C-alpha cells in the first residue's frame, strides 16, 4: 500500500478519477456484484450521512441499538431523520425489541455488526429471521466497520444477505482492518435504486487519488489483512482472559476492542488510565471501550486494570466487577 501511495503522488496535480470509477469497479469485482450496486465515499460515516440524507431527510424514523456507534444519533439528526434508540440486551442487539420499535414512520433499521462498542455479533440465521419480521418498505443498513476482526463464519455477511434480499445495505470501511483511517475510504453495497438515490448529493471529488490507490492495493492484499486480523484476534483473547481473571465483567468481543461496563467507576477508570499514559474511552455513560493494541500496550493495560482492581474498596461489590 505504501508503494501505491508513493506512486499516486506523481499524479496529485491531475483530476484523476473524480467519481472513483476505478475503485468502484475493483470493489464490484472483489465482491462479485455490479458497479451499479456499489458507492464509494470519504469514509463509511460520510456515506451513512449521505444515505440517511437521501432516505430519511423528511423526519423518518431510524431504529438503532444503544449503546452502539455514538455517531448514529447525530448523523440521523443531521440528515433530518429521527433516531429511535433501542437498549442492548446482554450487550448485543435486542432484535425482538428493535422489530417492535418499527412503526409506519420507520424508514431504516441500522445495525452495527460487530457492535461498537461492545464487540458482540449477529449471525446470519438471526439476521435473516429479523429481516423476515420487517415490513418490505423498511431497509436494513448493516455497518460492518469491524467485520474483518470477527472469526470467519461467526458474523453475518451483509453483502451475502443483500444477494438474497435487496432491502439490505452493507456499509464498510478501509479504516479499520486495512489501516487506512487517515485516508478516509468507505463504500456501500446496495440495490441499484439506493445507489442511484445517492447521486444527487455525491461529491464531485469523492475519494482522493492517493486514497483510491491505497484502497485498491489493499484489496489485493487480502492474505496480509487476514493474517494481521488473526494476530489481533489472538491478542484480543489473551487480554480478555487476563481481564476476566482480574474479576472484570467483559463480554466476548469479535472486534478490535473490549467493553468494560464499570458503572459508577467508568470515569474513574478512564482518569486512572490517563494518569498512567493510557487512553481508554467512556461511551454513553454505559461503559469503557478499551482498544486491543500491540502486545506491549496490552500488557500495560492489563497491569493498570490490575492496579485499579486492587485500589477499589476492599471487599466491596463494585458495578461491573464480581467478587
Protein backbone atom coordinates (compact mmCIF):
# COMPACT_ATOMS: atom_id res chain seq x y z
CA UNK A 1 0.00 0.00 0.00
CA UNK A 2 2.86 2.37 0.72
CA UNK A 3 4.28 1.78 -2.76
CA UNK A 4 0.86 2.53 -4.26
CA UNK A 5 0.63 5.72 -2.20
CA UNK A 6 4.07 6.91 -3.26
CA UNK A 7 3.33 6.22 -6.91
CA UNK A 8 -0.02 8.03 -6.71
CA UNK A 9 1.73 11.19 -5.51
CA UNK A 10 3.16 11.62 -9.00
CA UNK A 11 -0.37 12.36 -10.24
CA UNK A 12 -1.79 14.51 -7.42
CA UNK A 13 -1.72 17.56 -9.72
CA UNK A 14 -4.26 15.88 -12.00
CA UNK A 15 -8.01 15.45 -11.66
CA UNK A 16 -7.59 11.69 -11.81
CA UNK A 17 -10.74 9.66 -11.22
CA UNK A 18 -13.15 12.09 -9.52
CA UNK A 19 -16.06 9.63 -9.47
CA UNK A 20 -13.94 6.76 -8.09
CA UNK A 21 -14.98 4.58 -11.02
CA UNK A 22 -11.79 2.52 -10.91
CA UNK A 23 -12.19 1.84 -7.20
CA UNK A 24 -15.89 1.03 -7.62
CA UNK A 25 -15.09 -1.41 -10.42
CA UNK A 26 -12.40 -3.08 -8.29
CA UNK A 27 -14.80 -3.37 -5.35
CA UNK A 28 -17.56 -4.78 -7.56
CA UNK A 29 -15.21 -7.44 -8.92
CA UNK A 30 -13.90 -8.27 -5.45
CA UNK A 31 -17.42 -8.62 -4.01
CA UNK A 32 -19.00 -10.23 -7.09
CA UNK A 33 -21.64 -7.53 -7.51
CA UNK A 34 -22.21 -4.98 -10.27
CA UNK A 35 -20.63 -1.48 -10.23
CA UNK A 36 -24.14 -0.01 -10.09
CA UNK A 37 -24.58 -1.71 -6.72
CA UNK A 38 -21.51 -0.04 -5.21
CA UNK A 39 -20.88 3.51 -3.99
CA UNK A 40 -17.53 4.76 -2.67
CA UNK A 41 -17.05 7.78 -0.45
CA UNK A 42 -14.73 9.55 2.01
CA UNK A 43 -15.28 7.13 4.87
CA UNK A 44 -18.21 4.99 5.99
CA UNK A 45 -19.59 7.68 8.32
CA UNK A 46 -19.79 10.12 5.40
CA UNK A 47 -21.63 7.50 3.35
CA UNK A 48 -24.01 6.85 6.25
CA UNK A 49 -24.79 10.57 6.44
CA UNK A 50 -25.37 10.68 2.69
CA UNK A 51 -27.55 7.58 2.83
CA UNK A 52 -29.61 8.95 5.72
CA UNK A 53 -30.00 12.26 3.91
CA UNK A 54 -31.30 10.50 0.81
CA UNK A 55 -33.72 8.22 2.62
CA UNK A 56 -34.71 9.81 5.94
CA UNK A 57 -34.47 13.59 5.49
CA UNK A 58 -38.24 14.02 5.95
CA UNK A 59 -38.10 13.15 9.64
CA UNK A 60 -38.44 9.41 9.07
CA UNK A 61 -37.51 7.17 11.98
CA UNK A 62 -34.25 5.27 12.06
CA UNK A 63 -34.18 2.44 14.60
CA UNK A 64 -30.77 1.58 16.04
CA UNK A 65 -29.31 -0.22 19.06
CA UNK A 66 -27.86 1.70 22.00
CA UNK A 67 -25.14 1.94 23.01
CA UNK A 68 -23.71 1.47 19.56
CA UNK A 69 -21.55 3.70 17.35
CA UNK A 70 -22.00 7.00 19.15
CA UNK A 71 -22.28 8.97 15.90
CA UNK A 72 -25.56 7.30 14.88
CA UNK A 73 -27.89 9.75 16.69
CA UNK A 74 -26.12 12.93 15.47
CA UNK A 75 -25.82 11.54 11.93
CA UNK A 76 -29.54 10.73 11.81
CA UNK A 77 -30.43 14.16 13.21
CA UNK A 78 -28.04 15.98 10.86
CA UNK A 79 -29.70 14.22 7.93
CA UNK A 80 -33.16 15.31 9.10
CA UNK A 81 -34.27 11.95 10.45
CA UNK A 82 -35.49 10.84 13.87
CA UNK A 83 -33.25 8.43 15.80
CA UNK A 84 -35.04 5.68 17.73
CA UNK A 85 -32.54 4.05 20.13
CA UNK A 86 -33.29 0.56 21.45
CA UNK A 87 -31.34 -0.63 24.52
CA UNK A 88 -28.99 -3.58 24.14
CA UNK A 89 -29.77 -6.94 25.70
CA UNK A 90 -26.85 -8.89 27.14
CA UNK A 91 -24.51 -6.39 25.41
CA UNK A 92 -25.93 -7.26 21.97
CA UNK A 93 -28.72 -6.11 19.67
CA UNK A 94 -32.17 -6.88 21.05
CA UNK A 95 -33.72 -7.82 17.71
CA UNK A 96 -37.12 -8.54 19.26
CA UNK A 97 -37.28 -5.04 20.74
CA UNK A 98 -35.92 -3.49 17.55
CA UNK A 99 -38.61 -5.19 15.47
CA UNK A 100 -41.23 -3.99 17.96
CA UNK A 101 -39.88 -0.43 17.66
CA UNK A 102 -40.66 -0.30 13.93
CA UNK A 103 -43.65 1.94 13.18
CA UNK A 104 -45.28 3.25 9.99
CA UNK A 105 -42.77 6.14 10.20
CA UNK A 106 -39.73 3.84 10.22
CA UNK A 107 -37.64 4.03 7.07
CA UNK A 108 -34.40 2.37 8.16
CA UNK A 109 -33.05 -0.01 10.78
CA UNK A 110 -29.36 0.48 11.49
CA UNK A 111 -27.31 -2.46 12.79
CA UNK A 112 -23.64 -2.38 13.79
CA UNK A 113 -22.09 -5.82 13.33
CA UNK A 114 -19.85 -6.44 15.27
CA UNK A 115 -21.34 -3.85 17.57
CA UNK A 116 -19.24 -0.85 18.52
CA UNK A 117 -18.52 -0.59 21.48
CA UNK A 118 -19.50 -4.00 22.92
CA UNK A 119 -17.99 -6.25 20.24
CA UNK A 120 -20.98 -8.63 20.08
CA UNK A 121 -22.00 -10.17 16.76
CA UNK A 122 -25.17 -11.02 14.88
CA UNK A 123 -25.16 -14.30 12.97
CA UNK A 124 -26.63 -14.98 9.55
CA UNK A 125 -29.60 -17.02 10.77
CA UNK A 126 -30.78 -14.43 13.29
CA UNK A 127 -30.44 -11.58 10.80
CA UNK A 128 -32.43 -13.50 8.19
CA UNK A 129 -35.14 -14.15 10.76
CA UNK A 130 -35.11 -10.47 11.71
CA UNK A 131 -35.49 -9.41 8.08
CA UNK A 132 -38.49 -11.67 7.78
CA UNK A 133 -40.24 -9.77 10.57
CA UNK A 134 -39.87 -6.34 8.99
CA UNK A 135 -42.22 -4.64 6.52
CA UNK A 136 -40.98 -4.76 2.94
CA UNK A 137 -40.64 -0.95 2.87
CA UNK A 138 -38.06 -0.88 5.71
CA UNK A 139 -34.40 -1.02 4.69
CA UNK A 140 -31.74 -2.56 6.93
CA UNK A 141 -28.34 -0.88 6.98
CA UNK A 142 -25.56 -3.09 8.37
CA UNK A 143 -22.47 -1.16 9.46
CA UNK A 144 -19.62 -3.66 9.07
CA UNK A 145 -16.68 -1.46 10.05
CA UNK A 146 -15.24 -4.22 12.26
CA UNK A 147 -16.39 -7.32 10.36
CA UNK A 148 -12.90 -8.48 9.37
CA UNK A 149 -11.89 -8.87 13.02
CA UNK A 150 -14.62 -11.45 13.65
CA UNK A 151 -13.81 -15.14 13.25
CA UNK A 152 -14.90 -16.27 9.82
CA UNK A 153 -18.46 -17.59 9.82
CA UNK A 154 -19.47 -16.17 13.20
CA UNK A 155 -20.86 -12.83 11.99
CA UNK A 156 -23.38 -12.42 9.20
CA UNK A 157 -22.00 -11.06 5.93
CA UNK A 158 -24.34 -8.29 4.80
CA UNK A 159 -23.16 -8.46 1.19
CA UNK A 160 -24.20 -12.12 1.10
CA UNK A 161 -27.53 -11.20 2.70
CA UNK A 162 -28.00 -8.45 0.10
CA UNK A 163 -27.78 -11.01 -2.71
CA UNK A 164 -30.97 -12.61 -1.38
CA UNK A 165 -32.73 -9.51 -0.07
CA UNK A 166 -32.45 -6.09 -1.78
CA UNK A 167 -33.54 -4.36 1.43
CA UNK A 168 -30.09 -4.98 2.92
CA UNK A 169 -27.42 -2.28 2.64
CA UNK A 170 -23.84 -3.17 3.61
CA UNK A 171 -21.58 -0.31 4.69
CA UNK A 172 -17.85 -0.95 5.06
CA UNK A 173 -14.60 0.95 5.54
CA UNK A 174 -10.89 0.66 4.83
CA UNK A 175 -10.15 2.48 8.10
CA UNK A 176 -10.03 -0.48 10.49
CA UNK A 177 -8.74 -3.84 9.29
CA UNK A 178 -6.87 -2.27 6.37
CA UNK A 179 -5.37 0.51 8.50
CA UNK A 180 -6.25 3.42 6.17
CA UNK A 181 -8.03 5.57 8.77
CA UNK A 182 -6.33 8.82 7.79
CA UNK A 183 -7.14 8.38 4.10
CA UNK A 184 -10.93 8.15 4.59
CA UNK A 185 -12.20 5.49 2.22
CA UNK A 186 -15.53 3.74 2.65
CA UNK A 187 -18.06 2.02 0.45
CA UNK A 188 -21.53 0.55 0.48
CA UNK A 189 -23.27 -2.22 -1.41
CA UNK A 190 -26.97 -1.82 -2.08
CA UNK A 191 -29.72 -2.16 -4.62
CA UNK A 192 -29.19 -0.04 -7.73
CA UNK A 193 -32.12 2.19 -6.74
CA UNK A 194 -30.46 3.02 -3.42
CA UNK A 195 -27.09 3.75 -5.02
CA UNK A 196 -28.81 5.95 -7.62
CA UNK A 197 -30.55 7.88 -4.84
CA UNK A 198 -27.13 8.95 -3.56
CA UNK A 199 -26.08 10.54 -6.84
CA UNK A 200 -27.67 14.00 -6.30
CA UNK A 201 -25.65 14.55 -3.11
CA UNK A 202 -22.42 12.82 -4.14
CA UNK A 203 -19.31 14.96 -4.05
CA UNK A 204 -17.53 15.54 -7.36
CA UNK A 205 -14.19 14.58 -5.81
CA UNK A 206 -15.38 11.70 -3.68
CA UNK A 207 -12.15 9.94 -2.72
CA UNK A 208 -8.68 11.39 -3.19
CA UNK A 209 -6.26 9.91 -5.71
CA UNK A 210 -3.85 8.58 -3.04
CA UNK A 211 -6.74 7.11 -1.05
CA UNK A 212 -8.10 5.31 -4.10
CA UNK A 213 -4.66 3.93 -4.90
CA UNK A 214 -4.17 2.66 -1.36
CA UNK A 215 -7.64 1.11 -1.24
CA UNK A 216 -7.14 -0.77 -4.49
CA UNK A 217 -3.77 -2.03 -3.28
CA UNK A 218 -5.40 -3.11 -0.01
CA UNK A 219 -7.96 -5.18 -1.89
CA UNK A 220 -5.13 -7.14 -3.50
CA UNK A 221 -3.52 -7.81 -0.11
CA UNK A 222 -6.26 -9.93 1.44
CA UNK A 223 -3.85 -12.52 2.83
CA UNK A 224 -1.88 -9.86 4.69
CA UNK A 225 -5.04 -8.32 6.14
CA UNK A 226 -6.37 -11.70 7.25
CA UNK A 227 -3.08 -12.58 8.90
CA UNK A 228 -2.97 -9.30 10.80
CA UNK A 229 -6.59 -9.71 11.95
CA UNK A 230 -5.80 -13.22 13.16
CA UNK A 231 -2.83 -11.90 15.14
CA UNK A 232 -5.03 -9.24 16.69
CA UNK A 233 -7.63 -11.87 17.50
CA UNK A 234 -5.10 -13.86 19.48
CA UNK A 235 -4.14 -10.74 21.44
CA UNK A 236 -7.81 -9.93 21.96
CA UNK A 237 -8.42 -13.32 23.54
CA UNK A 238 -5.32 -13.01 25.72
CA UNK A 239 -6.47 -9.63 27.03
CA UNK A 240 -9.97 -10.99 27.61
CA UNK A 241 -8.65 -13.88 29.67
CA UNK A 242 -6.47 -11.55 31.73
CA UNK A 243 -9.25 -9.05 32.44
CA UNK A 244 -11.76 -11.71 33.41
CA UNK A 245 -9.14 -13.32 35.68
CA UNK A 246 -8.86 -9.95 37.44
CA UNK A 247 -12.60 -10.06 38.12
CA UNK A 248 -13.85 -7.76 35.38
CA UNK A 249 -17.06 -8.49 33.55
CA UNK A 250 -16.05 -8.42 29.87
CA UNK A 251 -18.36 -9.67 27.10
CA UNK A 252 -16.68 -11.76 24.42
CA UNK A 253 -15.62 -9.42 21.61
CA UNK A 254 -15.38 -10.05 17.87
CA UNK A 255 -13.88 -6.62 17.17
CA UNK A 256 -10.56 -4.93 17.99
CA UNK A 257 -11.63 -3.68 21.41
CA UNK A 258 -13.15 -4.80 24.70
CA UNK A 259 -16.11 -3.39 26.63
CA UNK A 260 -15.87 -2.83 30.37
CA UNK A 261 -19.26 -1.93 31.90
CA UNK A 262 -17.90 -0.38 35.09
CA UNK A 263 -20.96 1.63 36.10
CA UNK A 264 -20.04 4.34 38.61
CA UNK A 265 -16.35 3.51 38.11
CA UNK A 266 -16.33 4.33 34.37
CA UNK A 267 -14.94 7.85 34.65
CA UNK A 268 -12.56 6.90 37.42
CA UNK A 269 -11.06 4.09 35.34
CA UNK A 270 -10.63 6.40 32.33
CA UNK A 271 -8.90 9.01 34.52
CA UNK A 272 -6.75 6.36 36.21
CA UNK A 273 -5.51 5.05 32.85
CA UNK A 274 -4.92 8.58 31.56
CA UNK A 275 -2.80 9.37 34.61
CA UNK A 276 -0.57 6.46 33.58
CA UNK A 277 -0.36 7.44 29.91
CA UNK A 278 -3.00 5.06 28.51
CA UNK A 279 -6.07 6.36 26.66
CA UNK A 280 -9.36 4.48 27.01
CA UNK A 281 -12.81 5.88 26.34
CA UNK A 282 -16.10 6.06 28.21
CA UNK A 283 -19.10 5.79 25.88
CA UNK A 284 -22.67 6.88 26.56
CA UNK A 285 -22.05 6.67 30.29
CA UNK A 286 -22.54 2.91 29.93
CA UNK A 287 -19.01 1.56 29.93
CA UNK A 288 -15.42 1.91 28.81
CA UNK A 289 -14.10 0.79 25.44
CA UNK A 290 -10.53 -0.49 25.51
CA UNK A 291 -8.71 -0.93 22.19
CA UNK A 292 -6.64 -4.05 21.61
CA UNK A 293 -3.21 -2.73 20.65
CA UNK A 294 0.32 -4.05 20.48
CA UNK A 295 1.33 -6.77 22.96
CA UNK A 296 3.29 -4.16 24.92
CA UNK A 297 0.33 -1.78 25.08
CA UNK A 298 -1.97 -4.63 26.06
CA UNK A 299 0.43 -5.68 28.83
CA UNK A 300 0.31 -2.13 30.21
CA UNK A 301 -3.49 -2.07 30.08
CA UNK A 302 -3.66 -5.38 31.95
CA UNK A 303 -1.22 -4.06 34.54
CA UNK A 304 -3.26 -0.91 35.07
CA UNK A 305 -6.51 -2.88 35.25
CA UNK A 306 -4.94 -4.97 38.00
CA UNK A 307 -3.82 -1.88 39.88
CA UNK A 308 -7.27 -0.34 39.54
CA UNK A 309 -8.92 -3.51 40.84
CA UNK A 310 -6.60 -3.52 43.83
CA UNK A 311 -7.34 0.14 44.56
CA UNK A 312 -11.09 -0.50 44.54
CA UNK A 313 -12.61 -0.58 48.01
CA UNK A 314 -11.60 -3.83 49.66
CA UNK A 315 -14.41 -6.40 49.73
CA UNK A 316 -16.99 -4.05 48.22
CA UNK A 317 -19.21 -5.12 45.37
CA UNK A 318 -18.48 -2.68 42.53
CA UNK A 319 -20.50 -2.17 39.37
CA UNK A 320 -19.01 -4.10 36.52
CA UNK A 321 -16.89 -6.37 38.77
CA UNK A 322 -17.71 -9.59 40.54
CA UNK A 323 -16.40 -10.64 43.94
